[in-house]
Amino acid sequence: MEKNQAKDNFNEYIEKRIKQPIIHLRKKRKRLKKVIFVSNASKLILSSCIPVLASMVPEHMYLLTVISIISAIVAVLQGLQTWKNFEEQTLAISKFINELEKEYFLFYVKWEEGTSTKAEVEKFVESVENLYDEQINEMLDSSSN
């Protein structure tokens, strides 16, 4: 009876700390990739249109052209920087998912066979919690930059 309760508790832990977060993070990564694409495409389109539209103004055309070219360069550089930041976030999410899945699959086979010991269960839980702590620290470090 006690062993079944422990197994149920551990299965609940697996569900809440590994399976559900992996599903959530995969959805987040997919949304982030969509945001990256839409954001960068719109910035590149707008930055390429600025010089064309600015040169259509007849008064002080040369000055407007120089200003618009500078603003286009700034917009392109800002778009590339945004893209880089989103890509770094996407890679961090992917790395976290892969590490969680690795820990899960390495341990869960033993758990299902019933050959795991209490020490192995504790080590597994500790390593999963360490992964979460590392992920939170990375998120805090990246948000402070």
N, C-alpha and C. Protein backbone atom coordinates (compact mmCIF):
# COMPACT_ATOMS: atom_id res chain seq x y z
N MET A 1 0.82 -1.19 0.00
CA MET A 1 0.00 0.00 0.00
C MET A 1 0.87 1.26 0.00
N GLU A 2 1.89 1.27 0.88
CA GLU A 2 2.76 2.43 0.98
C GLU A 2 3.57 2.63 -0.31
N LYS A 3 3.98 1.51 -0.92
CA LYS A 3 4.75 1.59 -2.16
C LYS A 3 3.89 2.17 -3.28
N ASN A 4 2.60 1.78 -3.34
CA ASN A 4 1.70 2.33 -4.35
C ASN A 4 1.50 3.83 -4.14
N GLN A 5 1.40 4.25 -2.88
CA GLN A 5 1.24 5.67 -2.57
C GLN A 5 2.48 6.45 -3.02
N ALA A 6 3.66 5.89 -2.75
CA ALA A 6 4.90 6.54 -3.17
C ALA A 6 4.97 6.63 -4.69
N LYS A 7 4.55 5.56 -5.36
CA LYS A 7 4.57 5.57 -6.82
C LYS A 7 3.58 6.60 -7.37
N ASP A 8 2.41 6.69 -6.76
CA ASP A 8 1.43 7.70 -7.18
C ASP A 8 1.96 9.11 -6.96
N ASN A 9 2.58 9.33 -5.81
CA ASN A 9 3.16 10.65 -5.53
C ASN A 9 4.25 10.99 -6.53
N PHE A 10 5.09 10.01 -6.83
CA PHE A 10 6.17 10.26 -7.77
C PHE A 10 5.63 10.50 -9.18
N ASN A 11 4.63 9.72 -9.58
CA ASN A 11 4.02 9.93 -10.89
C ASN A 11 3.38 11.32 -10.98
N GLU A 12 2.80 11.78 -9.88
CA GLU A 12 2.23 13.13 -9.85
C GLU A 12 3.34 14.17 -9.97
N TYR A 13 4.47 13.93 -9.30
CA TYR A 13 5.62 14.82 -9.41
C TYR A 13 6.11 14.89 -10.86
N ILE A 14 6.23 13.72 -11.49
CA ILE A 14 6.66 13.66 -12.89
C ILE A 14 5.71 14.47 -13.77
N GLU A 15 4.44 14.30 -13.55
CA GLU A 15 3.44 15.00 -14.36
C GLU A 15 3.55 16.52 -14.19
N LYS A 16 3.66 16.97 -12.94
CA LYS A 16 3.66 18.41 -12.67
C LYS A 16 4.99 19.09 -12.95
N ARG A 17 6.10 18.40 -12.71
CA ARG A 17 7.41 19.05 -12.82
C ARG A 17 8.13 18.76 -14.13
N ILE A 18 7.67 17.75 -14.88
CA ILE A 18 8.37 17.43 -16.12
C ILE A 18 7.43 17.49 -17.32
N LYS A 19 6.38 16.69 -17.32
CA LYS A 19 5.53 16.59 -18.51
C LYS A 19 4.80 17.89 -18.82
N GLN A 20 4.11 18.46 -17.84
CA GLN A 20 3.37 19.70 -18.09
C GLN A 20 4.30 20.87 -18.45
N PRO A 21 5.42 21.06 -17.74
CA PRO A 21 6.33 22.15 -18.14
C PRO A 21 6.91 21.96 -19.55
N ILE A 22 7.20 20.72 -19.93
CA ILE A 22 7.73 20.49 -21.27
C ILE A 22 6.70 20.89 -22.32
N ILE A 23 5.45 20.51 -22.11
CA ILE A 23 4.39 20.88 -23.05
C ILE A 23 4.26 22.40 -23.11
N HIS A 24 4.26 23.04 -21.94
CA HIS A 24 4.14 24.51 -21.89
C HIS A 24 5.33 25.18 -22.59
N LEU A 25 6.54 24.70 -22.33
CA LEU A 25 7.73 25.31 -22.92
C LEU A 25 7.78 25.11 -24.43
N ARG A 26 7.31 23.98 -24.91
CA ARG A 26 7.26 23.78 -26.36
C ARG A 26 6.31 24.78 -27.01
N LYS A 27 5.16 25.01 -26.38
CA LYS A 27 4.21 26.01 -26.90
C LYS A 27 4.83 27.41 -26.85
N LYS A 28 5.52 27.71 -25.76
CA LYS A 28 6.16 29.02 -25.62
C LYS A 28 7.23 29.21 -26.69
N ARG A 29 8.02 28.17 -26.94
CA ARG A 29 9.06 28.25 -27.96
C ARG A 29 8.45 28.48 -29.34
N LYS A 30 7.33 27.81 -29.62
CA LYS A 30 6.66 27.98 -30.91
C LYS A 30 6.14 29.42 -31.06
N ARG A 31 5.52 29.96 -29.99
CA ARG A 31 5.02 31.35 -30.03
C ARG A 31 6.18 32.32 -30.20
N LEU A 32 7.28 32.06 -29.51
CA LEU A 32 8.45 32.93 -29.58
C LEU A 32 9.02 32.96 -30.99
N LYS A 33 9.07 31.81 -31.65
CA LYS A 33 9.56 31.78 -33.02
C LYS A 33 8.65 32.57 -33.95
N LYS A 34 7.34 32.51 -33.71
CA LYS A 34 6.40 33.28 -34.53
C LYS A 34 6.60 34.78 -34.29
N VAL A 35 6.79 35.17 -33.03
CA VAL A 35 7.03 36.57 -32.72
C VAL A 35 8.32 37.05 -33.38
N ILE A 36 9.35 36.22 -33.35
CA ILE A 36 10.62 36.57 -33.99
C ILE A 36 10.40 36.86 -35.46
N PHE A 37 9.71 35.97 -36.13
CA PHE A 37 9.52 36.12 -37.57
C PHE A 37 8.71 37.37 -37.89
N VAL A 38 7.58 37.55 -37.23
CA VAL A 38 6.71 38.69 -37.51
C VAL A 38 7.41 40.01 -37.17
N SER A 39 8.07 40.05 -36.04
CA SER A 39 8.76 41.27 -35.62
C SER A 39 9.86 41.66 -36.60
N ASN A 40 10.69 40.70 -36.95
CA ASN A 40 11.80 41.02 -37.84
C ASN A 40 11.34 41.31 -39.26
N ALA A 41 10.34 40.60 -39.73
CA ALA A 41 9.84 40.86 -41.07
C ALA A 41 9.25 42.27 -41.15
N SER A 42 8.47 42.66 -40.15
CA SER A 42 7.88 44.00 -40.18
C SER A 42 8.94 45.08 -40.06
N LYS A 43 9.94 44.88 -39.20
CA LYS A 43 11.00 45.88 -39.07
C LYS A 43 11.80 46.01 -40.36
N LEU A 44 12.10 44.89 -40.99
CA LEU A 44 12.86 44.97 -42.24
C LEU A 44 12.06 45.63 -43.35
N ILE A 45 10.77 45.34 -43.42
CA ILE A 45 9.93 45.98 -44.45
C ILE A 45 9.84 47.48 -44.19
N LEU A 46 9.58 47.86 -42.95
CA LEU A 46 9.49 49.29 -42.63
C LEU A 46 10.81 50.01 -42.86
N SER A 47 11.90 49.38 -42.46
CA SER A 47 13.19 50.05 -42.62
C SER A 47 13.59 50.18 -44.09
N SER A 48 13.15 49.27 -44.91
CA SER A 48 13.46 49.40 -46.34
C SER A 48 12.54 50.39 -47.04
N CYS A 49 11.35 50.64 -46.48
CA CYS A 49 10.41 51.60 -47.08
C CYS A 49 10.75 53.05 -46.72
N ILE A 50 11.39 53.28 -45.60
CA ILE A 50 11.66 54.65 -45.14
C ILE A 50 12.46 55.44 -46.17
N PRO A 51 13.56 54.93 -46.72
CA PRO A 51 14.30 55.75 -47.70
C PRO A 51 13.48 56.07 -48.95
N VAL A 52 12.68 55.14 -49.38
CA VAL A 52 11.88 55.37 -50.58
C VAL A 52 10.83 56.44 -50.32
N LEU A 53 10.14 56.33 -49.20
CA LEU A 53 9.09 57.30 -48.88
C LEU A 53 9.67 58.69 -48.58
N ALA A 54 10.80 58.74 -47.89
CA ALA A 54 11.39 60.03 -47.54
C ALA A 54 11.90 60.77 -48.76
N SER A 55 12.41 60.06 -49.73
CA SER A 55 12.93 60.74 -50.92
C SER A 55 11.81 61.24 -51.83
N MET A 56 10.58 60.86 -51.56
CA MET A 56 9.46 61.36 -52.35
C MET A 56 9.03 62.76 -51.93
N VAL A 57 9.50 63.23 -50.79
CA VAL A 57 9.18 64.58 -50.33
C VAL A 57 10.07 65.55 -51.10
N PRO A 58 9.48 66.53 -51.81
CA PRO A 58 10.28 67.38 -52.70
C PRO A 58 11.21 68.37 -51.99
N GLU A 59 10.85 68.90 -50.83
CA GLU A 59 11.68 69.90 -50.16
C GLU A 59 12.84 69.22 -49.42
N HIS A 60 14.02 69.73 -49.59
CA HIS A 60 15.23 69.23 -48.92
C HIS A 60 15.38 67.71 -49.10
N MET A 61 15.31 67.30 -50.31
CA MET A 61 15.33 65.87 -50.60
C MET A 61 16.62 65.19 -50.14
N TYR A 62 17.76 65.87 -50.31
CA TYR A 62 19.03 65.24 -49.93
C TYR A 62 19.13 65.03 -48.42
N LEU A 63 18.68 66.01 -47.67
CA LEU A 63 18.72 65.89 -46.21
C LEU A 63 17.79 64.78 -45.74
N LEU A 64 16.59 64.73 -46.32
CA LEU A 64 15.65 63.67 -45.95
C LEU A 64 16.18 62.29 -46.31
N THR A 65 16.87 62.21 -47.44
CA THR A 65 17.42 60.92 -47.85
C THR A 65 18.49 60.45 -46.87
N VAL A 66 19.37 61.36 -46.45
CA VAL A 66 20.42 61.00 -45.49
C VAL A 66 19.79 60.56 -44.17
N ILE A 67 18.83 61.31 -43.68
CA ILE A 67 18.16 60.96 -42.42
C ILE A 67 17.45 59.62 -42.53
N SER A 68 16.79 59.41 -43.65
CA SER A 68 16.05 58.15 -43.80
C SER A 68 16.99 56.96 -43.92
N ILE A 69 18.12 57.15 -44.56
CA ILE A 69 19.09 56.04 -44.66
C ILE A 69 19.66 55.71 -43.28
N ILE A 70 19.97 56.74 -42.51
CA ILE A 70 20.47 56.51 -41.16
C ILE A 70 19.42 55.81 -40.31
N SER A 71 18.17 56.26 -40.41
CA SER A 71 17.11 55.62 -39.62
C SER A 71 16.87 54.19 -40.08
N ALA A 72 17.02 53.93 -41.38
CA ALA A 72 16.86 52.56 -41.88
C ALA A 72 17.96 51.66 -41.34
N ILE A 73 19.18 52.16 -41.30
CA ILE A 73 20.29 51.37 -40.77
C ILE A 73 20.06 51.07 -39.29
N VAL A 74 19.62 52.07 -38.55
CA VAL A 74 19.34 51.87 -37.12
C VAL A 74 18.23 50.84 -36.94
N ALA A 75 17.18 50.94 -37.75
CA ALA A 75 16.06 49.98 -37.64
C ALA A 75 16.52 48.56 -37.96
N VAL A 76 17.35 48.41 -38.97
CA VAL A 76 17.84 47.07 -39.33
C VAL A 76 18.71 46.52 -38.20
N LEU A 77 19.59 47.34 -37.65
CA LEU A 77 20.44 46.87 -36.55
C LEU A 77 19.62 46.52 -35.31
N GLN A 78 18.61 47.32 -35.03
CA GLN A 78 17.74 47.02 -33.90
C GLN A 78 16.97 45.72 -34.14
N GLY A 79 16.51 45.51 -35.36
CA GLY A 79 15.82 44.27 -35.69
C GLY A 79 16.72 43.06 -35.53
N LEU A 80 17.96 43.20 -35.97
CA LEU A 80 18.91 42.09 -35.82
C LEU A 80 19.21 41.80 -34.35
N GLN A 81 19.32 42.86 -33.54
CA GLN A 81 19.56 42.67 -32.11
C GLN A 81 18.37 41.98 -31.44
N THR A 82 17.16 42.41 -31.81
CA THR A 82 15.95 41.78 -31.27
C THR A 82 15.91 40.32 -31.66
N TRP A 83 16.23 40.03 -32.90
CA TRP A 83 16.24 38.66 -33.40
C TRP A 83 17.23 37.82 -32.58
N LYS A 84 18.41 38.38 -32.35
CA LYS A 84 19.43 37.67 -31.58
C LYS A 84 18.93 37.36 -30.17
N ASN A 85 18.28 38.34 -29.52
CA ASN A 85 17.77 38.13 -28.16
C ASN A 85 16.71 37.05 -28.13
N PHE A 86 15.78 37.09 -29.09
CA PHE A 86 14.74 36.06 -29.14
C PHE A 86 15.34 34.69 -29.43
N GLU A 87 16.34 34.64 -30.30
CA GLU A 87 16.98 33.36 -30.60
C GLU A 87 17.68 32.80 -29.37
N GLU A 88 18.31 33.67 -28.59
CA GLU A 88 18.96 33.21 -27.35
C GLU A 88 17.93 32.64 -26.38
N GLN A 89 16.77 33.30 -26.28
CA GLN A 89 15.71 32.80 -25.40
C GLN A 89 15.20 31.46 -25.90
N THR A 90 15.01 31.34 -27.21
CA THR A 90 14.53 30.09 -27.79
C THR A 90 15.53 28.96 -27.54
N LEU A 91 16.81 29.25 -27.70
CA LEU A 91 17.83 28.23 -27.45
C LEU A 91 17.87 27.83 -25.97
N ALA A 92 17.69 28.79 -25.08
CA ALA A 92 17.68 28.47 -23.64
C ALA A 92 16.49 27.58 -23.30
N ILE A 93 15.34 27.87 -23.89
CA ILE A 93 14.15 27.03 -23.66
C ILE A 93 14.39 25.63 -24.20
N SER A 94 14.95 25.53 -25.41
CA SER A 94 15.22 24.22 -26.01
C SER A 94 16.20 23.42 -25.17
N LYS A 95 17.23 24.08 -24.67
CA LYS A 95 18.23 23.41 -23.84
C LYS A 95 17.58 22.87 -22.56
N PHE A 96 16.73 23.68 -21.94
CA PHE A 96 16.06 23.27 -20.71
C PHE A 96 15.14 22.08 -20.97
N ILE A 97 14.40 22.11 -22.07
CA ILE A 97 13.51 21.00 -22.42
C ILE A 97 14.33 19.73 -22.62
N ASN A 98 15.43 19.83 -23.36
CA ASN A 98 16.26 18.65 -23.63
C ASN A 98 16.85 18.07 -22.35
N GLU A 99 17.30 18.94 -21.45
CA GLU A 99 17.87 18.44 -20.20
C GLU A 99 16.81 17.78 -19.32
N LEU A 100 15.61 18.37 -19.28
CA LEU A 100 14.52 17.75 -18.51
C LEU A 100 14.16 16.38 -19.08
N GLU A 101 14.03 16.32 -20.41
CA GLU A 101 13.68 15.04 -21.04
C GLU A 101 14.76 14.00 -20.80
N LYS A 102 16.02 14.41 -20.86
CA LYS A 102 17.12 13.47 -20.63
C LYS A 102 17.05 12.89 -19.22
N GLU A 103 16.89 13.77 -18.23
CA GLU A 103 16.77 13.29 -16.85
C GLU A 103 15.58 12.36 -16.70
N TYR A 104 14.49 12.73 -17.30
CA TYR A 104 13.25 11.95 -17.20
C TYR A 104 13.44 10.56 -17.80
N PHE A 105 13.95 10.48 -19.00
CA PHE A 105 14.07 9.19 -19.67
C PHE A 105 15.13 8.30 -19.04
N LEU A 106 16.22 8.91 -18.57
CA LEU A 106 17.26 8.10 -17.92
C LEU A 106 16.75 7.44 -16.64
N PHE A 107 15.91 8.14 -15.92
CA PHE A 107 15.44 7.60 -14.66
C PHE A 107 14.15 6.79 -14.79
N TYR A 108 13.24 7.24 -15.64
CA TYR A 108 11.89 6.68 -15.64
C TYR A 108 11.86 5.21 -16.05
N VAL A 109 12.81 4.77 -16.87
CA VAL A 109 12.86 3.35 -17.24
C VAL A 109 13.08 2.49 -15.99
N LYS A 110 14.02 2.91 -15.15
CA LYS A 110 14.27 2.17 -13.91
C LYS A 110 13.05 2.22 -13.00
N TRP A 111 12.38 3.36 -12.97
CA TRP A 111 11.21 3.51 -12.11
C TRP A 111 10.10 2.57 -12.54
N GLU A 112 9.86 2.49 -13.81
CA GLU A 112 8.80 1.62 -14.31
C GLU A 112 9.12 0.15 -14.10
N GLU A 113 10.40 -0.21 -14.19
CA GLU A 113 10.80 -1.60 -13.95
C GLU A 113 10.76 -1.94 -12.47
N GLY A 114 10.76 -0.93 -11.64
CA GLY A 114 10.74 -1.15 -10.19
C GLY A 114 12.11 -1.44 -9.62
N THR A 115 13.16 -1.12 -10.36
CA THR A 115 14.52 -1.41 -9.88
C THR A 115 15.20 -0.20 -9.26
N SER A 116 14.50 0.92 -9.17
CA SER A 116 15.14 2.12 -8.61
C SER A 116 15.04 2.10 -7.08
N THR A 117 16.07 2.66 -6.47
CA THR A 117 16.10 2.73 -5.02
C THR A 117 15.64 4.12 -4.56
N LYS A 118 15.43 4.24 -3.28
CA LYS A 118 14.99 5.52 -2.73
C LYS A 118 16.06 6.59 -2.96
N ALA A 119 17.33 6.21 -2.85
CA ALA A 119 18.42 7.16 -3.07
C ALA A 119 18.42 7.65 -4.52
N GLU A 120 18.13 6.75 -5.47
CA GLU A 120 18.07 7.15 -6.88
C GLU A 120 16.90 8.10 -7.13
N VAL A 121 15.79 7.85 -6.47
CA VAL A 121 14.63 8.75 -6.60
C VAL A 121 14.99 10.13 -6.07
N GLU A 122 15.62 10.17 -4.91
CA GLU A 122 16.02 11.46 -4.33
C GLU A 122 17.03 12.18 -5.21
N LYS A 123 17.96 11.43 -5.79
CA LYS A 123 18.95 12.03 -6.69
C LYS A 123 18.27 12.59 -7.93
N PHE A 124 17.29 11.86 -8.46
CA PHE A 124 16.55 12.32 -9.63
C PHE A 124 15.80 13.62 -9.32
N VAL A 125 15.09 13.64 -8.21
CA VAL A 125 14.33 14.84 -7.81
C VAL A 125 15.28 16.01 -7.61
N GLU A 126 16.41 15.76 -6.98
CA GLU A 126 17.39 16.81 -6.75
C GLU A 126 17.93 17.37 -8.06
N SER A 127 18.23 16.49 -9.02
CA SER A 127 18.77 16.96 -10.30
C SER A 127 17.72 17.75 -11.09
N VAL A 128 16.45 17.33 -11.01
CA VAL A 128 15.38 18.08 -11.69
C VAL A 128 15.23 19.46 -11.05
N GLU A 129 15.24 19.50 -9.73
CA GLU A 129 15.10 20.80 -9.05
C GLU A 129 16.31 21.69 -9.33
N ASN A 130 17.51 21.11 -9.45
CA ASN A 130 18.69 21.90 -9.82
C ASN A 130 18.54 22.49 -11.22
N LEU A 131 17.97 21.70 -12.14
CA LEU A 131 17.72 22.22 -13.49
C LEU A 131 16.77 23.42 -13.45
N TYR A 132 15.72 23.30 -12.63
CA TYR A 132 14.80 24.43 -12.49
C TYR A 132 15.50 25.65 -11.90
N ASP A 133 16.33 25.43 -10.88
CA ASP A 133 17.05 26.55 -10.27
C ASP A 133 17.98 27.22 -11.28
N GLU A 134 18.70 26.42 -12.08
CA GLU A 134 19.58 26.98 -13.10
C GLU A 134 18.79 27.79 -14.12
N GLN A 135 17.65 27.26 -14.53
CA GLN A 135 16.82 27.97 -15.51
C GLN A 135 16.33 29.30 -14.95
N ILE A 136 15.91 29.30 -13.70
CA ILE A 136 15.43 30.55 -13.08
C ILE A 136 16.57 31.55 -12.97
N ASN A 137 17.76 31.09 -12.59
CA ASN A 137 18.90 32.00 -12.49
C ASN A 137 19.27 32.57 -13.85
N GLU A 138 19.22 31.75 -14.90
CA GLU A 138 19.51 32.25 -16.25
C GLU A 138 18.48 33.29 -16.67
N MET A 139 17.22 33.05 -16.34
CA MET A 139 16.18 34.01 -16.70
C MET A 139 16.39 35.33 -15.95
N LEU A 140 16.75 35.25 -14.68
CA LEU A 140 17.00 36.47 -13.90
C LEU A 140 18.21 37.22 -14.43
N ASP A 141 19.27 36.48 -14.80
CA ASP A 141 20.47 37.12 -15.35
C ASP A 141 20.17 37.80 -16.68
N SER A 142 19.40 37.14 -17.54
CA SER A 142 19.11 37.72 -18.85
C SER A 142 18.16 38.90 -18.75
N SER A 143 17.27 38.90 -17.77
CA SER A 143 16.34 40.02 -17.62
C SER A 143 17.02 41.24 -17.02
N SER A 144 18.10 41.04 -16.27
CA SER A 144 18.81 42.17 -15.68
C SER A 144 19.74 42.85 -16.69
N ASN A 145 20.05 42.17 -17.79
CA ASN A 145 20.94 42.76 -18.81
C ASN A 145 20.23 43.74 -19.67
